[in-house]
Amino acid sequence: MKNIYLIYFLVAVLSACSSKETNSVSLRGEIKGLGTDTLYIYGTDKLYNRTDTLIVKDDKFSAILSTDTLVSTRLQFSNGTEYPLYLDKGDKIQVKGSASDLTSLEITGNTPNEEFTAFQKSLKGLGKPSDKVLEEKAEAFISSHHSSLVSIYLLDKYFVQKPQPDFILIKSLTDRMTGELKDRPYVDELLDRIQEEEKVSIGKTAPYFHLPNAKGKNISRSDFKDKYLLVHFWASWDQPSRENNTGLRQIYKKEQKSKDFALLGISLDIDKDAWKKAIKEDTLSWEQVCNFSGWETGAVKQFAIQALPANILLSPSGKIEGKNLSKEDIEKKIKEIGQKEKK
């Protein structure tokens, strides 16, 4: 009888151990030349909302991680380099590479990691491919891998994270994905964003907005009647915005007496003093407005602004003529406006 109880006990222990192991991921890696370092793994969506630390010693590291489903994460190195890493319960992931080329690792242990490794290898023989070639390669992968998490990574890297994303193309690429991928938090949020972007796409009528200037007066689109209006979104705390102000200042110096063109700055500042200080330091002589709500500012949401600096060019009738124009593009538009008005 004792032997029977012992057998039951052993079976229970083994079952418990087995159940614990089902949600675990074994991760081992060796990156030549990395020496002693600290790496981080963080989730890229709500399915893995934590950060894990990996200690590297003599080029090697290992860890037991836990997840109950296939998740997308990033392996982050101390120099800022990030690399996609996919984890699923029961996986035994192996990472190999060289510290001299952290953008091309060899990761095995499950299908998504091996798919991305193969994709990166396919780029190796291209030398220094153009952006167009990279986009074509990414699009081809997405078209032939409808249910791969790698497709989401490539969609984000080569199509979404661009100064002026082509949301029509992005929508067509997501349409090629399976329902399982579309249910992923990132894609779900991206599709919501595309819907918002479509409302303020070129050719659409701009939403109505009004915001207070430094004197407390509400400023709206109607204050720039009969003019093309460049609405510029910026913030004192955003360095690219401050650098962008230099180009706009040069444009305004030439166009401040124009009857056909005007500038309006909408700040995402929260600190009024910092906003006023930046206006003075950057010599922003054109109209500036701010309600100190940051990213919660109504106009920011209405125009689907995702990054700073950003700009929207409105026609006198309120239609959207252009988005996120460069200094050269703005100058070209102003020239076209002048020629149009002469006719």
C-alpha atoms as a PDB file:
ATOM      1  CA  MET A   1       0.000   0.000   0.000  1.00  0.00           C
ATOM      2  CA  LYS A   2       2.843   2.364   0.860  1.00  0.00           C
ATOM      3  CA  ASN A   3       4.368   1.706  -2.574  1.00  0.00           C
ATOM      4  CA  ILE A   4       1.089   2.634  -4.270  1.00  0.00           C
ATOM      5  CA  TYR A   5       0.917   5.920  -2.326  1.00  0.00           C
ATOM      6  CA  LEU A   6       4.544   6.578  -3.242  1.00  0.00           C
ATOM      7  CA  ILE A   7       3.777   6.020  -6.922  1.00  0.00           C
ATOM      8  CA  TYR A   8       0.781   8.386  -6.716  1.00  0.00           C
ATOM      9  CA  PHE A   9       2.980  10.953  -4.990  1.00  0.00           C
ATOM     10  CA  LEU A  10       5.690  10.703  -7.642  1.00  0.00           C
ATOM     11  CA  VAL A  11       3.128  10.977 -10.461  1.00  0.00           C
ATOM     12  CA  ALA A  12       1.653  14.085  -8.811  1.00  0.00           C
ATOM     13  CA  VAL A  13       5.079  15.681  -8.415  1.00  0.00           C
ATOM     14  CA  LEU A  14       6.036  14.889 -12.005  1.00  0.00           C
ATOM     15  CA  SER A  15       2.709  16.219 -13.243  1.00  0.00           C
ATOM     16  CA  ALA A  16       3.201  19.420 -11.281  1.00  0.00           C
ATOM     17  CA  CYS A  17       6.700  19.820 -12.667  1.00  0.00           C
ATOM     18  CA  SER A  18       5.433  19.096 -16.164  1.00  0.00           C
ATOM     19  CA  SER A  19       2.645  21.675 -15.826  1.00  0.00           C
ATOM     20  CA  LYS A  20       5.167  24.269 -14.669  1.00  0.00           C
ATOM     21  CA  GLU A  21       7.400  23.501 -17.613  1.00  0.00           C
ATOM     22  CA  THR A  22       4.595  23.870 -20.164  1.00  0.00           C
ATOM     23  CA  ASN A  23       4.545  27.629 -19.593  1.00  0.00           C
ATOM     24  CA  SER A  24       8.314  28.023 -19.547  1.00  0.00           C
ATOM     25  CA  VAL A  25      10.720  29.048 -22.304  1.00  0.00           C
ATOM     26  CA  SER A  26      14.381  28.057 -22.217  1.00  0.00           C
ATOM     27  CA  LEU A  27      16.618  30.760 -23.675  1.00  0.00           C
ATOM     28  CA  ARG A  28      20.325  30.316 -24.290  1.00  0.00           C
ATOM     29  CA  GLY A  29      22.645  32.525 -26.238  1.00  0.00           C
ATOM     30  CA  GLU A  30      26.249  33.114 -27.227  1.00  0.00           C
ATOM     31  CA  ILE A  31      27.263  36.350 -28.931  1.00  0.00           C
ATOM     32  CA  LYS A  32      30.967  36.417 -29.715  1.00  0.00           C
ATOM     33  CA  GLY A  33      32.742  39.517 -28.466  1.00  0.00           C
ATOM     34  CA  LEU A  34      29.924  40.656 -26.173  1.00  0.00           C
ATOM     35  CA  GLY A  35      31.935  39.791 -23.054  1.00  0.00           C
ATOM     36  CA  THR A  36      30.152  40.886 -19.879  1.00  0.00           C
ATOM     37  CA  ASP A  37      26.974  42.855 -20.401  1.00  0.00           C
ATOM     38  CA  THR A  38      23.330  43.259 -19.408  1.00  0.00           C
ATOM     39  CA  LEU A  39      20.547  42.635 -21.916  1.00  0.00           C
ATOM     40  CA  TYR A  40      16.818  43.192 -21.615  1.00  0.00           C
ATOM     41  CA  ILE A  41      13.776  41.468 -23.050  1.00  0.00           C
ATOM     42  CA  TYR A  42      10.578  43.484 -23.180  1.00  0.00           C
ATOM     43  CA  GLY A  43       7.194  42.733 -24.676  1.00  0.00           C
ATOM     44  CA  THR A  44       5.920  44.711 -27.654  1.00  0.00           C
ATOM     45  CA  ASP A  45       2.239  44.231 -26.875  1.00  0.00           C
ATOM     46  CA  LYS A  46      -0.099  43.610 -23.947  1.00  0.00           C
ATOM     47  CA  LEU A  47       0.436  39.842 -24.158  1.00  0.00           C
ATOM     48  CA  TYR A  48       3.909  40.196 -22.588  1.00  0.00           C
ATOM     49  CA  ASN A  49       3.802  43.379 -20.524  1.00  0.00           C
ATOM     50  CA  ARG A  50       7.016  43.057 -18.567  1.00  0.00           C
ATOM     51  CA  THR A  51      10.785  43.419 -18.890  1.00  0.00           C
ATOM     52  CA  ASP A  52      13.261  40.630 -18.117  1.00  0.00           C
ATOM     53  CA  THR A  53      16.981  41.096 -17.449  1.00  0.00           C
ATOM     54  CA  LEU A  54      19.694  38.844 -18.907  1.00  0.00           C
ATOM     55  CA  ILE A  55      23.217  38.837 -17.483  1.00  0.00           C
ATOM     56  CA  VAL A  56      25.917  38.103 -20.065  1.00  0.00           C
ATOM     57  CA  LYS A  57      29.188  36.569 -18.904  1.00  0.00           C
ATOM     58  CA  ASP A  58      31.971  35.448 -21.244  1.00  0.00           C
ATOM     59  CA  ASP A  59      29.706  36.094 -24.252  1.00  0.00           C
ATOM     60  CA  LYS A  60      27.014  33.717 -22.938  1.00  0.00           C
ATOM     61  CA  PHE A  61      23.625  34.105 -21.281  1.00  0.00           C
ATOM     62  CA  SER A  62      20.681  31.915 -20.348  1.00  0.00           C
ATOM     63  CA  ALA A  63      17.291  32.260 -18.716  1.00  0.00           C
ATOM     64  CA  ILE A  64      14.011  30.488 -18.079  1.00  0.00           C
ATOM     65  CA  LEU A  65      11.109  32.751 -19.047  1.00  0.00           C
ATOM     66  CA  SER A  66       7.385  32.177 -18.780  1.00  0.00           C
ATOM     67  CA  THR A  67       4.544  32.708 -21.226  1.00  0.00           C
ATOM     68  CA  ASP A  68       1.332  30.834 -21.924  1.00  0.00           C
ATOM     69  CA  THR A  69       1.081  31.843 -25.595  1.00  0.00           C
ATOM     70  CA  LEU A  70       3.187  32.922 -28.566  1.00  0.00           C
ATOM     71  CA  VAL A  71       4.411  36.472 -27.912  1.00  0.00           C
ATOM     72  CA  SER A  72       6.479  39.100 -29.684  1.00  0.00           C
ATOM     73  CA  THR A  73       9.321  40.657 -27.677  1.00  0.00           C
ATOM     74  CA  ARG A  74      12.498  42.635 -28.290  1.00  0.00           C
ATOM     75  CA  LEU A  75      16.012  41.733 -27.210  1.00  0.00           C
ATOM     76  CA  GLN A  76      17.672  45.029 -26.284  1.00  0.00           C
ATOM     77  CA  PHE A  77      21.437  45.481 -26.105  1.00  0.00           C
ATOM     78  CA  SER A  78      23.265  48.088 -24.019  1.00  0.00           C
ATOM     79  CA  ASN A  79      24.197  50.097 -27.143  1.00  0.00           C
ATOM     80  CA  GLY A  80      20.498  50.573 -27.929  1.00  0.00           C
ATOM     81  CA  THR A  81      20.242  47.938 -30.672  1.00  0.00           C
ATOM     82  CA  GLU A  82      16.967  46.008 -30.584  1.00  0.00           C
ATOM     83  CA  TYR A  83      16.208  42.668 -32.187  1.00  0.00           C
ATOM     84  CA  PRO A  84      12.861  40.835 -32.513  1.00  0.00           C
ATOM     85  CA  LEU A  85      12.538  37.707 -30.426  1.00  0.00           C
ATOM     86  CA  TYR A  86       9.527  35.381 -30.382  1.00  0.00           C
ATOM     87  CA  LEU A  87       8.683  33.189 -27.398  1.00  0.00           C
ATOM     88  CA  ASP A  88       6.157  30.410 -26.853  1.00  0.00           C
ATOM     89  CA  LYS A  89       5.588  27.913 -24.079  1.00  0.00           C
ATOM     90  CA  GLY A  90       7.850  24.885 -24.293  1.00  0.00           C
ATOM     91  CA  ASP A  91      10.325  26.563 -26.663  1.00  0.00           C
ATOM     92  CA  LYS A  92      14.058  26.036 -26.416  1.00  0.00           C
ATOM     93  CA  ILE A  93      15.456  29.184 -28.005  1.00  0.00           C
ATOM     94  CA  GLN A  94      19.080  29.428 -29.130  1.00  0.00           C
ATOM     95  CA  VAL A  95      20.672  32.799 -29.998  1.00  0.00           C
ATOM     96  CA  LYS A  96      23.983  33.022 -31.852  1.00  0.00           C
ATOM     97  CA  GLY A  97      25.785  35.989 -33.322  1.00  0.00           C
ATOM     98  CA  SER A  98      28.607  38.483 -33.148  1.00  0.00           C
ATOM     99  CA  ALA A  99      28.851  41.729 -31.196  1.00  0.00           C
ATOM    100  CA  SER A 100      30.214  43.317 -34.381  1.00  0.00           C
ATOM    101  CA  ASP A 101      26.870  42.764 -36.144  1.00  0.00           C
ATOM    102  CA  LEU A 102      23.971  42.774 -33.690  1.00  0.00           C
ATOM    103  CA  THR A 103      21.496  43.439 -36.507  1.00  0.00           C
ATOM    104  CA  SER A 104      21.941  39.947 -37.920  1.00  0.00           C
ATOM    105  CA  LEU A 105      21.592  37.229 -35.296  1.00  0.00           C
ATOM    106  CA  GLU A 106      20.776  33.570 -35.848  1.00  0.00           C
ATOM    107  CA  ILE A 107      17.865  32.550 -33.627  1.00  0.00           C
ATOM    108  CA  THR A 108      16.351  29.072 -33.648  1.00  0.00           C
ATOM    109  CA  GLY A 109      13.808  27.235 -31.532  1.00  0.00           C
ATOM    110  CA  ASN A 110      10.499  28.094 -33.167  1.00  0.00           C
ATOM    111  CA  THR A 111       9.081  29.053 -36.570  1.00  0.00           C
ATOM    112  CA  PRO A 112       8.869  32.883 -36.220  1.00  0.00           C
ATOM    113  CA  ASN A 113      12.493  33.220 -35.054  1.00  0.00           C
ATOM    114  CA  GLU A 114      13.684  30.980 -37.880  1.00  0.00           C
ATOM    115  CA  GLU A 115      11.562  32.878 -40.425  1.00  0.00           C
ATOM    116  CA  PHE A 116      13.086  36.189 -39.367  1.00  0.00           C
ATOM    117  CA  THR A 117      16.601  34.708 -39.386  1.00  0.00           C
ATOM    118  CA  ALA A 118      15.998  33.539 -42.966  1.00  0.00           C
ATOM    119  CA  PHE A 119      14.657  36.963 -43.951  1.00  0.00           C
ATOM    120  CA  GLN A 120      17.735  38.729 -42.552  1.00  0.00           C
ATOM    121  CA  LYS A 121      20.017  36.288 -44.378  1.00  0.00           C
ATOM    122  CA  SER A 122      18.189  37.056 -47.632  1.00  0.00           C
ATOM    123  CA  LEU A 123      19.154  40.728 -47.187  1.00  0.00           C
ATOM    124  CA  LYS A 124      22.836  39.918 -46.700  1.00  0.00           C
ATOM    125  CA  GLY A 125      23.478  39.302 -50.384  1.00  0.00           C
ATOM    126  CA  LEU A 126      21.949  42.629 -51.409  1.00  0.00           C
ATOM    127  CA  GLY A 127      24.874  44.782 -50.276  1.00  0.00           C
ATOM    128  CA  LYS A 128      23.346  48.148 -49.308  1.00  0.00           C
ATOM    129  CA  PRO A 129      19.779  47.856 -50.608  1.00  0.00           C
ATOM    130  CA  SER A 130      17.648  50.957 -51.161  1.00  0.00           C
ATOM    131  CA  ASP A 131      14.560  51.642 -49.078  1.00  0.00           C
ATOM    132  CA  LYS A 132      12.436  50.622 -52.052  1.00  0.00           C
ATOM    133  CA  VAL A 133      14.155  47.225 -52.323  1.00  0.00           C
ATOM    134  CA  LEU A 134      13.764  46.622 -48.579  1.00  0.00           C
ATOM    135  CA  GLU A 135      10.082  47.499 -48.779  1.00  0.00           C
ATOM    136  CA  GLU A 136       9.617  45.133 -51.717  1.00  0.00           C
ATOM    137  CA  LYS A 137      11.301  42.316 -49.783  1.00  0.00           C
ATOM    138  CA  ALA A 138       9.153  43.026 -46.725  1.00  0.00           C
ATOM    139  CA  GLU A 139       5.967  43.172 -48.790  1.00  0.00           C
ATOM    140  CA  ALA A 140       6.823  39.859 -50.470  1.00  0.00           C
ATOM    141  CA  PHE A 141       7.361  38.249 -47.058  1.00  0.00           C
ATOM    142  CA  ILE A 142       4.064  39.590 -45.674  1.00  0.00           C
ATOM    143  CA  SER A 143       2.195  38.413 -48.785  1.00  0.00           C
ATOM    144  CA  SER A 144       3.514  34.860 -48.393  1.00  0.00           C
ATOM    145  CA  HIS A 145       3.399  34.641 -44.577  1.00  0.00           C
ATOM    146  CA  HIS A 146      -0.200  35.553 -43.732  1.00  0.00           C
ATOM    147  CA  SER A 147      -0.095  34.274 -40.151  1.00  0.00           C
ATOM    148  CA  SER A 148       3.516  34.993 -39.108  1.00  0.00           C
ATOM    149  CA  LEU A 149       4.287  37.405 -36.280  1.00  0.00           C
ATOM    150  CA  VAL A 150       7.302  38.431 -38.317  1.00  0.00           C
ATOM    151  CA  SER A 151       4.903  40.026 -40.809  1.00  0.00           C
ATOM    152  CA  ILE A 152       3.752  42.420 -38.078  1.00  0.00           C
ATOM    153  CA  TYR A 153       7.348  43.382 -37.289  1.00  0.00           C
ATOM    154  CA  LEU A 154       8.180  44.017 -40.960  1.00  0.00           C
ATOM    155  CA  LEU A 155       4.955  45.963 -41.471  1.00  0.00           C
ATOM    156  CA  ASP A 156       5.856  48.247 -38.576  1.00  0.00           C
ATOM    157  CA  LYS A 157       9.542  48.657 -39.457  1.00  0.00           C
ATOM    158  CA  TYR A 158       9.297  49.253 -43.200  1.00  0.00           C
ATOM    159  CA  PHE A 159       5.865  50.814 -43.648  1.00  0.00           C
ATOM    160  CA  VAL A 160       4.440  52.283 -40.437  1.00  0.00           C
ATOM    161  CA  GLN A 161       7.608  53.865 -38.999  1.00  0.00           C
ATOM    162  CA  LYS A 162       8.052  56.287 -41.889  1.00  0.00           C
ATOM    163  CA  PRO A 163       7.752  60.091 -41.866  1.00  0.00           C
ATOM    164  CA  GLN A 164       4.754  59.821 -44.203  1.00  0.00           C
ATOM    165  CA  PRO A 165       3.258  56.315 -43.993  1.00  0.00           C
ATOM    166  CA  ASP A 166       1.211  55.122 -46.962  1.00  0.00           C
ATOM    167  CA  PHE A 167      -1.881  54.011 -45.063  1.00  0.00           C
ATOM    168  CA  ILE A 168      -3.587  52.727 -48.206  1.00  0.00           C
ATOM    169  CA  LEU A 169      -0.684  50.316 -48.742  1.00  0.00           C
ATOM    170  CA  ILE A 170      -0.542  49.469 -45.030  1.00  0.00           C
ATOM    171  CA  LYS A 171      -4.272  48.655 -45.064  1.00  0.00           C
ATOM    172  CA  SER A 172      -3.823  46.402 -48.109  1.00  0.00           C
ATOM    173  CA  LEU A 173      -0.979  44.573 -46.341  1.00  0.00           C
ATOM    174  CA  THR A 174      -3.047  44.014 -43.205  1.00  0.00           C
ATOM    175  CA  ASP A 175      -5.872  42.714 -45.413  1.00  0.00           C
ATOM    176  CA  ARG A 176      -3.532  39.878 -46.441  1.00  0.00           C
ATOM    177  CA  MET A 177      -3.074  38.802 -42.822  1.00  0.00           C
ATOM    178  CA  THR A 178      -5.134  36.118 -41.140  1.00  0.00           C
ATOM    179  CA  GLY A 179      -7.763  36.917 -38.529  1.00  0.00           C
ATOM    180  CA  GLU A 180      -5.419  35.586 -35.840  1.00  0.00           C
ATOM    181  CA  LEU A 181      -2.843  38.279 -36.642  1.00  0.00           C
ATOM    182  CA  LYS A 182      -5.497  40.980 -36.924  1.00  0.00           C
ATOM    183  CA  ASP A 183      -6.621  40.116 -33.403  1.00  0.00           C
ATOM    184  CA  ARG A 184      -3.148  40.924 -32.084  1.00  0.00           C
ATOM    185  CA  PRO A 185      -3.168  44.150 -30.015  1.00  0.00           C
ATOM    186  CA  TYR A 186      -0.709  45.947 -32.318  1.00  0.00           C
ATOM    187  CA  VAL A 187      -2.661  45.266 -35.525  1.00  0.00           C
ATOM    188  CA  ASP A 188      -5.964  46.005 -33.819  1.00  0.00           C
ATOM    189  CA  GLU A 189      -4.658  49.415 -32.693  1.00  0.00           C
ATOM    190  CA  LEU A 190      -3.071  50.029 -36.114  1.00  0.00           C
ATOM    191  CA  LEU A 191      -6.385  49.428 -37.886  1.00  0.00           C
ATOM    192  CA  ASP A 192      -8.054  51.891 -35.496  1.00  0.00           C
ATOM    193  CA  ARG A 193      -5.330  54.405 -36.326  1.00  0.00           C
ATOM    194  CA  ILE A 194      -5.857  53.891 -40.063  1.00  0.00           C
ATOM    195  CA  GLN A 195      -9.553  54.668 -39.596  1.00  0.00           C
ATOM    196  CA  GLU A 196      -8.615  57.914 -37.848  1.00  0.00           C
ATOM    197  CA  GLU A 197      -6.034  58.747 -40.535  1.00  0.00           C
ATOM    198  CA  GLU A 198      -8.618  58.194 -43.277  1.00  0.00           C
ATOM    199  CA  LYS A 199     -10.804  60.880 -41.713  1.00  0.00           C
ATOM    200  CA  VAL A 200      -8.012  63.435 -42.144  1.00  0.00           C
ATOM    201  CA  SER A 201      -6.436  62.204 -45.371  1.00  0.00           C
ATOM    202  CA  ILE A 202      -5.474  64.573 -48.178  1.00  0.00           C
ATOM    203  CA  GLY A 203      -8.579  65.941 -49.865  1.00  0.00           C
ATOM    204  CA  LYS A 204     -10.778  65.635 -46.764  1.00  0.00           C
ATOM    205  CA  THR A 205     -12.201  68.658 -44.952  1.00  0.00           C
ATOM    206  CA  ALA A 206     -10.239  69.466 -41.796  1.00  0.00           C
ATOM    207  CA  PRO A 207     -12.036  69.159 -38.464  1.00  0.00           C
ATOM    208  CA  TYR A 208     -12.978  72.343 -36.622  1.00  0.00           C
ATOM    209  CA  PHE A 209     -10.751  73.341 -33.710  1.00  0.00           C
ATOM    210  CA  HIS A 210     -10.034  76.331 -31.504  1.00  0.00           C
ATOM    211  CA  LEU A 211      -7.249  76.810 -28.981  1.00  0.00           C
ATOM    212  CA  PRO A 212      -6.071  79.740 -26.818  1.00  0.00           C
ATOM    213  CA  ASN A 213      -3.006  81.784 -27.658  1.00  0.00           C
ATOM    214  CA  ALA A 214      -0.639  83.293 -25.063  1.00  0.00           C
ATOM    215  CA  LYS A 215      -3.107  86.115 -24.397  1.00  0.00           C
ATOM    216  CA  GLY A 216      -5.993  83.711 -23.828  1.00  0.00           C
ATOM    217  CA  LYS A 217      -7.775  84.478 -27.104  1.00  0.00           C
ATOM    218  CA  ASN A 218      -9.270  81.449 -28.859  1.00  0.00           C
ATOM    219  CA  ILE A 219      -7.811  80.962 -32.328  1.00  0.00           C
ATOM    220  CA  SER A 220      -9.486  78.843 -35.010  1.00  0.00           C
ATOM    221  CA  ARG A 221      -9.153  78.153 -38.716  1.00  0.00           C
ATOM    222  CA  SER A 222     -11.614  80.922 -39.524  1.00  0.00           C
ATOM    223  CA  ASP A 223      -9.092  83.493 -38.208  1.00  0.00           C
ATOM    224  CA  PHE A 224      -7.043  82.828 -41.358  1.00  0.00           C
ATOM    225  CA  LYS A 225      -9.810  83.475 -43.882  1.00  0.00           C
ATOM    226  CA  ASP A 226      -8.877  83.225 -47.572  1.00  0.00           C
ATOM    227  CA  LYS A 227      -5.386  81.917 -46.748  1.00  0.00           C
ATOM    228  CA  TYR A 228      -3.598  78.611 -47.064  1.00  0.00           C
ATOM    229  CA  LEU A 229      -2.770  77.667 -43.488  1.00  0.00           C
ATOM    230  CA  LEU A 230       0.127  75.479 -42.386  1.00  0.00           C
ATOM    231  CA  VAL A 231      -0.742  74.030 -38.975  1.00  0.00           C
ATOM    232  CA  HIS A 232       2.452  73.022 -37.199  1.00  0.00           C
ATOM    233  CA  PHE A 233       2.382  70.615 -34.225  1.00  0.00           C
ATOM    234  CA  TRP A 234       5.392  70.870 -31.923  1.00  0.00           C
ATOM    235  CA  ALA A 235       6.541  71.040 -28.278  1.00  0.00           C
ATOM    236  CA  SER A 236       9.308  72.802 -26.363  1.00  0.00           C
ATOM    237  CA  TRP A 237      10.494  69.477 -24.929  1.00  0.00           C
ATOM    238  CA  ASP A 238      10.861  67.818 -28.352  1.00  0.00           C
ATOM    239  CA  GLN A 239      14.317  68.427 -29.854  1.00  0.00           C
ATOM    240  CA  PRO A 240      13.341  67.587 -33.481  1.00  0.00           C
ATOM    241  CA  SER A 241      10.542  70.159 -33.122  1.00  0.00           C
ATOM    242  CA  ARG A 242      12.976  72.818 -31.983  1.00  0.00           C
ATOM    243  CA  GLU A 243      15.287  72.040 -34.903  1.00  0.00           C
ATOM    244  CA  ASN A 244      12.323  72.149 -37.287  1.00  0.00           C
ATOM    245  CA  ASN A 245      11.442  75.629 -36.012  1.00  0.00           C
ATOM    246  CA  THR A 246      14.570  76.985 -37.703  1.00  0.00           C
ATOM    247  CA  GLY A 247      13.270  76.095 -41.170  1.00  0.00           C
ATOM    248  CA  LEU A 248       9.796  77.439 -40.429  1.00  0.00           C
ATOM    249  CA  ARG A 249      11.283  80.689 -39.161  1.00  0.00           C
ATOM    250  CA  GLN A 250      13.084  81.108 -42.489  1.00  0.00           C
ATOM    251  CA  ILE A 251       9.841  80.472 -44.370  1.00  0.00           C
ATOM    252  CA  TYR A 252       7.859  82.882 -42.218  1.00  0.00           C
ATOM    253  CA  LYS A 253      10.451  85.625 -42.658  1.00  0.00           C
ATOM    254  CA  LYS A 254       9.770  85.505 -46.400  1.00  0.00           C
ATOM    255  CA  GLU A 255       5.997  85.025 -46.174  1.00  0.00           C
ATOM    256  CA  GLN A 256       4.880  87.021 -43.119  1.00  0.00           C
ATOM    257  CA  LYS A 257       3.274  89.715 -45.302  1.00  0.00           C
ATOM    258  CA  SER A 258       1.713  87.206 -47.699  1.00  0.00           C
ATOM    259  CA  LYS A 259      -2.008  87.551 -48.385  1.00  0.00           C
ATOM    260  CA  ASP A 260      -2.222  83.890 -49.375  1.00  0.00           C
ATOM    261  CA  PHE A 261      -0.247  81.947 -46.734  1.00  0.00           C
ATOM    262  CA  ALA A 262      -0.145  81.783 -42.939  1.00  0.00           C
ATOM    263  CA  LEU A 263       1.393  79.698 -40.160  1.00  0.00           C
ATOM    264  CA  LEU A 264      -0.172  78.436 -36.921  1.00  0.00           C
ATOM    265  CA  GLY A 265       1.746  76.614 -34.206  1.00  0.00           C
ATOM    266  CA  ILE A 266      -0.096  74.144 -31.976  1.00  0.00           C
ATOM    267  CA  SER A 267       2.043  73.127 -29.006  1.00  0.00           C
ATOM    268  CA  LEU A 268       1.763  69.909 -26.996  1.00  0.00           C
ATOM    269  CA  ASP A 269       3.379  71.589 -24.010  1.00  0.00           C
ATOM    270  CA  ILE A 270       2.044  71.143 -20.489  1.00  0.00           C
ATOM    271  CA  ASP A 271       4.265  73.755 -18.836  1.00  0.00           C
ATOM    272  CA  LYS A 272       3.196  77.292 -19.830  1.00  0.00           C
ATOM    273  CA  ASP A 273       6.505  78.888 -18.854  1.00  0.00           C
ATOM    274  CA  ALA A 274       8.501  76.343 -20.881  1.00  0.00           C
ATOM    275  CA  TRP A 275       6.227  77.001 -23.879  1.00  0.00           C
ATOM    276  CA  LYS A 276       6.650  80.776 -23.696  1.00  0.00           C
ATOM    277  CA  LYS A 277      10.406  80.439 -23.191  1.00  0.00           C
ATOM    278  CA  ALA A 278      10.735  78.239 -26.304  1.00  0.00           C
ATOM    279  CA  ILE A 279       8.673  80.687 -28.376  1.00  0.00           C
ATOM    280  CA  LYS A 280      11.041  83.473 -27.349  1.00  0.00           C
ATOM    281  CA  GLU A 281      14.244  81.468 -27.781  1.00  0.00           C
ATOM    282  CA  ASP A 282      13.218  80.153 -31.222  1.00  0.00           C
ATOM    283  CA  THR A 283      11.844  83.563 -32.307  1.00  0.00           C
ATOM    284  CA  LEU A 284       8.450  82.187 -33.340  1.00  0.00           C
ATOM    285  CA  SER A 285       6.679  85.327 -34.531  1.00  0.00           C
ATOM    286  CA  TRP A 286       3.625  83.618 -36.014  1.00  0.00           C
ATOM    287  CA  GLU A 287       0.486  82.739 -34.064  1.00  0.00           C
ATOM    288  CA  GLN A 288       1.006  80.136 -31.338  1.00  0.00           C
ATOM    289  CA  VAL A 289      -1.696  78.281 -29.384  1.00  0.00           C
ATOM    290  CA  CYS A 290      -1.696  75.731 -26.570  1.00  0.00           C
ATOM    291  CA  ASN A 291      -4.175  74.425 -23.978  1.00  0.00           C
ATOM    292  CA  PHE A 292      -1.459  72.553 -21.995  1.00  0.00           C
ATOM    293  CA  SER A 293      -3.071  69.132 -22.424  1.00  0.00           C
ATOM    294  CA  GLY A 294      -0.136  67.480 -24.222  1.00  0.00           C
ATOM    295  CA  TRP A 295      -1.128  64.483 -26.302  1.00  0.00           C
ATOM    296  CA  GLU A 296      -4.685  64.824 -24.994  1.00  0.00           C
ATOM    297  CA  THR A 297      -5.152  68.091 -26.911  1.00  0.00           C
ATOM    298  CA  GLY A 298      -8.318  67.805 -28.989  1.00  0.00           C
ATOM    299  CA  ALA A 299      -6.708  68.969 -32.243  1.00  0.00           C
ATOM    300  CA  VAL A 300      -3.922  66.387 -31.822  1.00  0.00           C
ATOM    301  CA  LYS A 301      -6.495  63.599 -31.682  1.00  0.00           C
ATOM    302  CA  GLN A 302      -8.659  65.119 -34.432  1.00  0.00           C
ATOM    303  CA  PHE A 303      -5.736  65.262 -36.853  1.00  0.00           C
ATOM    304  CA  ALA A 304      -4.425  61.818 -35.769  1.00  0.00           C
ATOM    305  CA  ILE A 305      -0.981  63.204 -34.872  1.00  0.00           C
ATOM    306  CA  GLN A 306       1.319  60.354 -33.828  1.00  0.00           C
ATOM    307  CA  ALA A 307       4.756  61.987 -33.691  1.00  0.00           C
ATOM    308  CA  LEU A 308       6.422  65.397 -33.521  1.00  0.00           C
ATOM    309  CA  PRO A 309       7.033  67.579 -35.359  1.00  0.00           C
ATOM    310  CA  ALA A 310       4.051  67.296 -37.700  1.00  0.00           C
ATOM    311  CA  ASN A 311       2.230  69.641 -40.032  1.00  0.00           C
ATOM    312  CA  ILE A 312      -1.016  69.869 -41.998  1.00  0.00           C
ATOM    313  CA  LEU A 313      -1.547  72.274 -44.920  1.00  0.00           C
ATOM    314  CA  LEU A 314      -5.132  73.536 -45.243  1.00  0.00           C
ATOM    315  CA  SER A 315      -6.652  75.310 -48.229  1.00  0.00           C
ATOM    316  CA  PRO A 316      -8.767  78.473 -47.755  1.00  0.00           C
ATOM    317  CA  SER A 317     -11.878  76.259 -47.933  1.00  0.00           C
ATOM    318  CA  GLY A 318     -10.529  74.036 -45.142  1.00  0.00           C
ATOM    319  CA  LYS A 319      -9.512  71.040 -47.230  1.00  0.00           C
ATOM    320  CA  ILE A 320      -6.328  69.159 -46.383  1.00  0.00           C
ATOM    321  CA  GLU A 321      -3.751  69.881 -49.103  1.00  0.00           C
ATOM    322  CA  GLY A 322      -0.698  68.174 -47.620  1.00  0.00           C
ATOM    323  CA  LYS A 323       0.668  66.409 -44.535  1.00  0.00           C
ATOM    324  CA  ASN A 324       4.098  66.337 -42.896  1.00  0.00           C
ATOM    325  CA  LEU A 325       5.692  68.444 -45.605  1.00  0.00           C
ATOM    326  CA  SER A 326       9.439  69.084 -45.598  1.00  0.00           C
ATOM    327  CA  LYS A 327      10.819  72.637 -45.755  1.00  0.00           C
ATOM    328  CA  GLU A 328      11.421  72.173 -49.482  1.00  0.00           C
ATOM    329  CA  ASP A 329       7.887  70.828 -50.013  1.00  0.00           C
ATOM    330  CA  ILE A 330       6.404  73.802 -48.129  1.00  0.00           C
ATOM    331  CA  GLU A 331       8.388  76.272 -50.234  1.00  0.00           C
ATOM    332  CA  LYS A 332       7.271  74.488 -53.389  1.00  0.00           C
ATOM    333  CA  LYS A 333       3.619  74.626 -52.262  1.00  0.00           C
ATOM    334  CA  ILE A 334       3.924  78.348 -51.475  1.00  0.00           C
ATOM    335  CA  LYS A 335       5.302  78.948 -54.967  1.00  0.00           C
ATOM    336  CA  GLU A 336       2.396  76.986 -56.485  1.00  0.00           C
ATOM    337  CA  ILE A 337      -0.076  78.958 -54.376  1.00  0.00           C
ATOM    338  CA  GLY A 338       1.422  82.254 -55.569  1.00  0.00           C
ATOM    339  CA  GLN A 339       1.183  81.185 -59.211  1.00  0.00           C
ATOM    340  CA  LYS A 340      -2.397  80.004 -58.729  1.00  0.00           C
ATOM    341  CA  GLU A 341      -3.472  83.276 -57.115  1.00  0.00           C
ATOM    342  CA  LYS A 342      -1.918  85.333 -59.956  1.00  0.00           C
ATOM    343  CA  LYS A 343      -4.122  83.502 -62.434  1.00  0.00           C
END
